[in-house]
N, C-alpha and C. Protein backbone atom coordinates (compact mmCIF):
# COMPACT_ATOMS: atom_id res chain seq x y z
N ARG A 1 -25.93 -25.76 -17.87
CA ARG A 1 -26.96 -24.37 -18.77
C ARG A 1 -26.65 -23.52 -17.97
N ARG A 2 -26.80 -22.45 -18.26
CA ARG A 2 -27.34 -20.71 -17.64
C ARG A 2 -28.60 -20.62 -17.29
N PHE A 3 -29.16 -20.19 -16.11
CA PHE A 3 -29.95 -19.79 -16.27
C PHE A 3 -30.48 -17.86 -16.69
N LYS A 4 -31.33 -17.38 -17.00
CA LYS A 4 -31.53 -16.13 -16.85
C LYS A 4 -31.80 -15.36 -15.29
N GLY A 5 -30.84 -14.08 -14.81
CA GLY A 5 -30.96 -13.11 -13.59
C GLY A 5 -30.61 -14.19 -12.60
N VAL A 6 -29.38 -15.18 -12.87
CA VAL A 6 -28.76 -16.48 -12.28
C VAL A 6 -27.66 -15.45 -11.97
N THR A 7 -26.81 -15.28 -10.47
CA THR A 7 -25.64 -14.36 -10.62
C THR A 7 -24.42 -15.54 -10.66
N LEU A 8 -23.51 -14.80 -11.05
CA LEU A 8 -22.37 -15.89 -11.62
C LEU A 8 -21.10 -15.97 -10.41
N MET A 9 -20.71 -17.24 -10.78
CA MET A 9 -20.19 -17.72 -9.51
C MET A 9 -18.68 -18.11 -10.01
N PRO A 10 -17.75 -17.37 -9.15
CA PRO A 10 -16.58 -17.94 -9.17
C PRO A 10 -15.93 -18.97 -9.88
N ASN A 11 -14.82 -18.75 -11.08
CA ASN A 11 -14.67 -19.26 -12.07
C ASN A 11 -13.04 -19.31 -12.17
N ILE A 12 -12.59 -20.63 -12.23
CA ILE A 12 -11.07 -20.19 -12.31
C ILE A 12 -10.85 -19.26 -13.66
N GLY A 13 -11.37 -18.75 -14.60
CA GLY A 13 -11.40 -17.46 -15.50
C GLY A 13 -11.13 -16.30 -14.97
N TYR A 14 -11.94 -16.13 -14.06
CA TYR A 14 -11.97 -14.75 -13.00
C TYR A 14 -10.61 -14.16 -13.02
N GLY A 15 -9.22 -15.17 -12.83
CA GLY A 15 -8.07 -14.55 -11.73
C GLY A 15 -7.38 -13.50 -12.22
N SER A 16 -6.39 -13.32 -11.81
CA SER A 16 -5.52 -12.00 -12.36
C SER A 16 -4.34 -12.59 -13.17
N ASP A 17 -3.48 -11.76 -13.97
CA ASP A 17 -2.72 -12.29 -14.28
C ASP A 17 -1.22 -12.28 -13.08
N LYS A 18 -0.58 -13.64 -13.48
CA LYS A 18 0.28 -13.78 -12.55
C LYS A 18 1.44 -12.28 -12.06
N LYS A 19 1.34 -11.75 -13.81
CA LYS A 19 2.85 -10.68 -13.78
C LYS A 19 2.01 -9.69 -12.23
N THR A 20 0.49 -9.38 -12.30
CA THR A 20 0.35 -8.45 -12.21
C THR A 20 -0.57 -9.04 -10.90
N LYS A 21 -0.63 -9.67 -10.61
CA LYS A 21 -1.01 -10.26 -9.31
C LYS A 21 -1.04 -9.54 -7.75
N TYR A 22 -1.93 -8.85 -6.90
CA TYR A 22 -1.70 -8.27 -6.10
C TYR A 22 -0.67 -7.32 -5.94
N ARG A 23 -0.77 -6.44 -7.30
CA ARG A 23 -0.56 -5.16 -7.30
C ARG A 23 -1.68 -4.17 -7.30
N SER A 24 -1.30 -2.94 -7.12
CA SER A 24 -2.68 -1.85 -6.83
C SER A 24 -2.21 -1.18 -7.85
N PRO A 25 -3.08 -0.48 -8.91
CA PRO A 25 -2.87 0.31 -10.06
C PRO A 25 -2.33 1.20 -10.47
N THR A 26 -1.24 1.96 -9.56
CA THR A 26 0.04 2.37 -10.03
C THR A 26 0.82 1.79 -9.46
N GLY A 27 0.97 0.01 -9.81
CA GLY A 27 1.97 -0.53 -10.07
C GLY A 27 3.23 -1.86 -9.51
N PHE A 28 2.56 -1.03 -8.03
CA PHE A 28 3.42 -1.28 -6.33
C PHE A 28 2.98 -2.54 -6.14
N TYR A 29 3.73 -3.23 -5.41
CA TYR A 29 3.40 -4.13 -4.20
C TYR A 29 2.24 -3.67 -3.21
N LYS A 30 2.33 -3.12 -2.12
CA LYS A 30 1.84 -3.10 -0.79
C LYS A 30 2.96 -3.47 0.36
N PHE A 31 3.38 -2.49 1.37
CA PHE A 31 3.88 -3.79 2.27
C PHE A 31 3.48 -2.49 3.17
N LEU A 32 3.23 -3.68 4.75
CA LEU A 32 2.82 -2.75 5.63
C LEU A 32 4.21 -2.18 6.60
N VAL A 33 3.79 -1.11 7.18
CA VAL A 33 4.67 -0.34 7.69
C VAL A 33 4.36 -0.43 9.28
N ARG A 34 5.41 -0.85 10.42
CA ARG A 34 4.37 -0.66 11.95
C ARG A 34 5.39 -0.15 12.55
N CYS A 35 6.74 0.37 12.03
CA CYS A 35 7.48 1.29 12.56
C CYS A 35 8.60 1.37 11.75
N PRO A 36 9.27 2.80 11.91
CA PRO A 36 10.52 3.00 10.81
C PRO A 36 11.53 2.57 10.99
N ALA A 37 11.65 1.24 11.34
CA ALA A 37 12.80 0.09 11.33
C ALA A 37 12.14 -1.15 9.85
N ASP A 38 10.91 -1.12 9.63
CA ASP A 38 10.39 -1.35 9.02
C ASP A 38 11.01 -1.32 7.53
N LEU A 39 11.47 0.29 7.52
CA LEU A 39 11.57 0.62 5.85
C LEU A 39 12.78 0.49 5.16
N GLU A 40 13.70 -0.17 6.45
CA GLU A 40 15.06 -0.43 6.30
C GLU A 40 15.22 -1.85 5.27
N MET A 41 14.26 -2.38 5.27
CA MET A 41 14.02 -3.41 3.93
C MET A 41 13.73 -3.23 2.75
N LEU A 42 12.89 -2.03 2.52
CA LEU A 42 13.10 -1.52 1.14
C LEU A 42 13.96 -0.57 0.76
N LEU A 43 14.98 -1.08 1.13
CA LEU A 43 16.11 0.10 0.55
C LEU A 43 16.44 -0.10 -0.55
N MET A 44 16.71 -1.53 -1.73
CA MET A 44 16.47 -1.15 -2.75
C MET A 44 15.52 -1.37 -3.56
N HIS A 45 14.47 -1.54 -3.31
CA HIS A 45 13.04 -1.98 -3.58
C HIS A 45 11.71 -0.89 -3.78
N ASN A 46 12.50 0.49 -3.55
CA ASN A 46 11.18 1.25 -3.44
C ASN A 46 10.70 1.54 -5.12
N GLU A 47 11.10 1.13 -6.34
CA GLU A 47 10.94 1.18 -7.27
C GLU A 47 9.51 -0.12 -7.26
N LYS A 48 9.77 -0.97 -5.95
CA LYS A 48 8.72 -2.48 -6.54
C LYS A 48 7.37 -2.30 -5.89
N TYR A 49 8.00 -1.78 -4.42
CA TYR A 49 7.07 -2.04 -2.74
C TYR A 49 6.59 -0.14 -2.55
N ALA A 50 5.12 -0.27 -2.17
CA ALA A 50 4.59 0.95 -2.07
C ALA A 50 4.14 1.02 -0.66
N VAL A 51 4.57 1.87 0.81
CA VAL A 51 4.55 1.93 1.65
C VAL A 51 3.55 2.22 2.41
N GLU A 52 2.40 1.10 2.84
CA GLU A 52 1.21 1.09 3.55
C GLU A 52 1.57 1.55 5.20
N ILE A 53 0.86 2.40 6.13
CA ILE A 53 1.45 2.63 7.01
C ILE A 53 0.03 1.61 8.11
N ALA A 54 0.61 0.97 9.14
CA ALA A 54 -0.60 0.19 9.91
C ALA A 54 -1.36 1.40 10.35
N HIS A 55 -3.12 0.46 10.70
CA HIS A 55 -3.72 1.69 11.33
C HIS A 55 -3.57 1.96 12.73
N SER A 56 -2.83 1.33 13.24
CA SER A 56 -2.34 1.12 14.71
C SER A 56 -1.30 2.22 14.98
N VAL A 57 -1.00 2.73 14.31
CA VAL A 57 0.17 3.39 14.29
C VAL A 57 -0.28 5.02 14.64
N GLY A 58 0.44 5.40 15.28
CA GLY A 58 -0.24 6.84 15.94
C GLY A 58 0.99 8.25 15.14
N ALA A 59 0.08 9.18 15.80
CA ALA A 59 0.03 10.45 14.53
C ALA A 59 1.98 10.70 14.92
N LYS A 60 2.54 10.52 15.91
CA LYS A 60 3.62 10.62 15.81
C LYS A 60 5.09 9.89 15.11
N LYS A 61 4.42 8.77 15.13
CA LYS A 61 5.37 7.54 14.60
C LYS A 61 4.95 7.76 12.74
N ARG A 62 4.30 8.21 12.52
CA ARG A 62 3.84 8.24 11.12
C ARG A 62 4.71 8.99 10.94
N LYS A 63 4.75 10.61 11.56
CA LYS A 63 5.70 11.21 11.01
C LYS A 63 6.61 10.78 10.38
N GLU A 64 7.66 9.94 11.63
CA GLU A 64 8.65 9.41 11.30
C GLU A 64 8.76 8.89 9.86
N ILE A 65 7.70 7.95 10.48
CA ILE A 65 7.89 7.12 8.99
C ILE A 65 7.80 7.91 7.46
N VAL A 66 6.99 8.70 7.47
CA VAL A 66 6.82 9.19 5.99
C VAL A 66 8.28 10.42 5.91
N ALA A 67 8.84 10.93 6.99
CA ALA A 67 10.22 11.51 6.57
C ALA A 67 10.79 10.53 6.21
N ARG A 68 11.27 9.70 6.78
CA ARG A 68 11.81 8.37 6.55
C ARG A 68 11.91 7.95 5.33
N ALA A 69 10.38 7.87 4.27
CA ALA A 69 9.97 7.07 3.30
C ALA A 69 10.91 8.31 2.68
N ASP A 70 10.48 9.49 2.95
CA ASP A 70 10.91 10.77 1.99
C ASP A 70 12.65 10.15 1.46
N GLN A 71 13.22 10.11 2.76
CA GLN A 71 14.62 9.79 2.07
C GLN A 71 15.55 8.65 1.31
N LEU A 72 14.47 7.33 1.33
CA LEU A 72 14.42 6.78 0.59
C LEU A 72 13.76 6.40 -0.68
N ARG A 73 12.82 7.21 -1.14
CA ARG A 73 12.21 7.25 -2.05
C ARG A 73 11.57 6.58 -2.25
N LEU A 74 10.34 6.42 -0.87
CA LEU A 74 9.35 5.39 -1.27
C LEU A 74 7.82 5.81 -0.95
N GLN A 75 6.98 5.14 -1.78
CA GLN A 75 5.91 5.63 -1.89
C GLN A 75 4.84 5.38 -0.44
N VAL A 76 4.49 6.37 -0.69
CA VAL A 76 3.75 6.33 0.66
C VAL A 76 2.42 6.22 0.59
N THR A 77 1.22 4.81 0.40
CA THR A 77 -0.27 5.08 -0.15
C THR A 77 -1.15 6.19 1.21
N ASN A 78 -0.71 5.87 2.07
CA ASN A 78 -1.91 6.87 3.23
C ASN A 78 -1.10 7.60 4.11
N ARG A 79 -0.30 8.63 3.06
CA ARG A 79 0.34 9.57 3.72
C ARG A 79 -0.04 10.62 4.75
N PHE A 80 -1.60 11.24 4.63
CA PHE A 80 -1.56 12.20 4.80
C PHE A 80 -2.82 11.81 5.45
N ALA A 81 -3.23 10.25 6.34
CA ALA A 81 -3.59 9.82 7.26
C ALA A 81 -3.19 10.04 8.54
N ARG A 82 -4.00 10.67 9.54
CA ARG A 82 -4.25 11.60 10.57
C ARG A 82 -3.10 12.61 11.13
N MET A 83 -2.84 13.05 9.68
CA MET A 83 -2.43 14.64 9.95
C MET A 83 -3.32 15.36 10.43
N ARG A 84 -2.58 16.80 10.99
CA ARG A 84 -3.82 17.71 11.26
C ARG A 84 -3.45 19.04 9.50
N ALA A 85 -4.53 19.51 9.62
CA ALA A 85 -4.92 20.38 8.27
C ALA A 85 -3.32 21.53 8.21
N LYS A 86 -3.04 22.14 9.58
CA LYS A 86 -2.28 23.07 9.54
C LYS A 86 -0.88 21.99 9.08
N GLU A 87 -0.47 21.05 9.63
CA GLU A 87 0.58 20.54 9.54
C GLU A 87 0.90 20.12 7.93
N ASN A 88 -0.19 18.96 7.16
CA ASN A 88 -0.12 19.05 5.76
C ASN A 88 0.26 20.17 5.12
N GLU A 89 -0.06 21.64 5.12
CA GLU A 89 0.24 23.12 4.47
C GLU A 89 2.09 23.24 4.56
C-alpha cells in the first residue's frame, strides 16, 4: 500500500537500460585523463569514449591533452576549463 505525500523509494524498476548505462546524453562513455599518455589507450575507441580531464590537471598539461585529443579525433567534455579568455579565441 502507498500513502499520499510519501517520497518514492528507489526500486528495481528505476534502473537504466544495460545498453545505455553509464553513457552521457551525447552517447559517449567518460574516460578520465590525468596525463597526455592516457590518451593513447583511446587510439581505436574515439567513437565510443569521450575524454574528461581530471580536476587536478594544471593549465599547461590541459593544453597538451586537448592538442593530442584533437589529433586523435577525441571529444573532450571539459575542453575550456582553466583556459584564459584570450587563448580560447
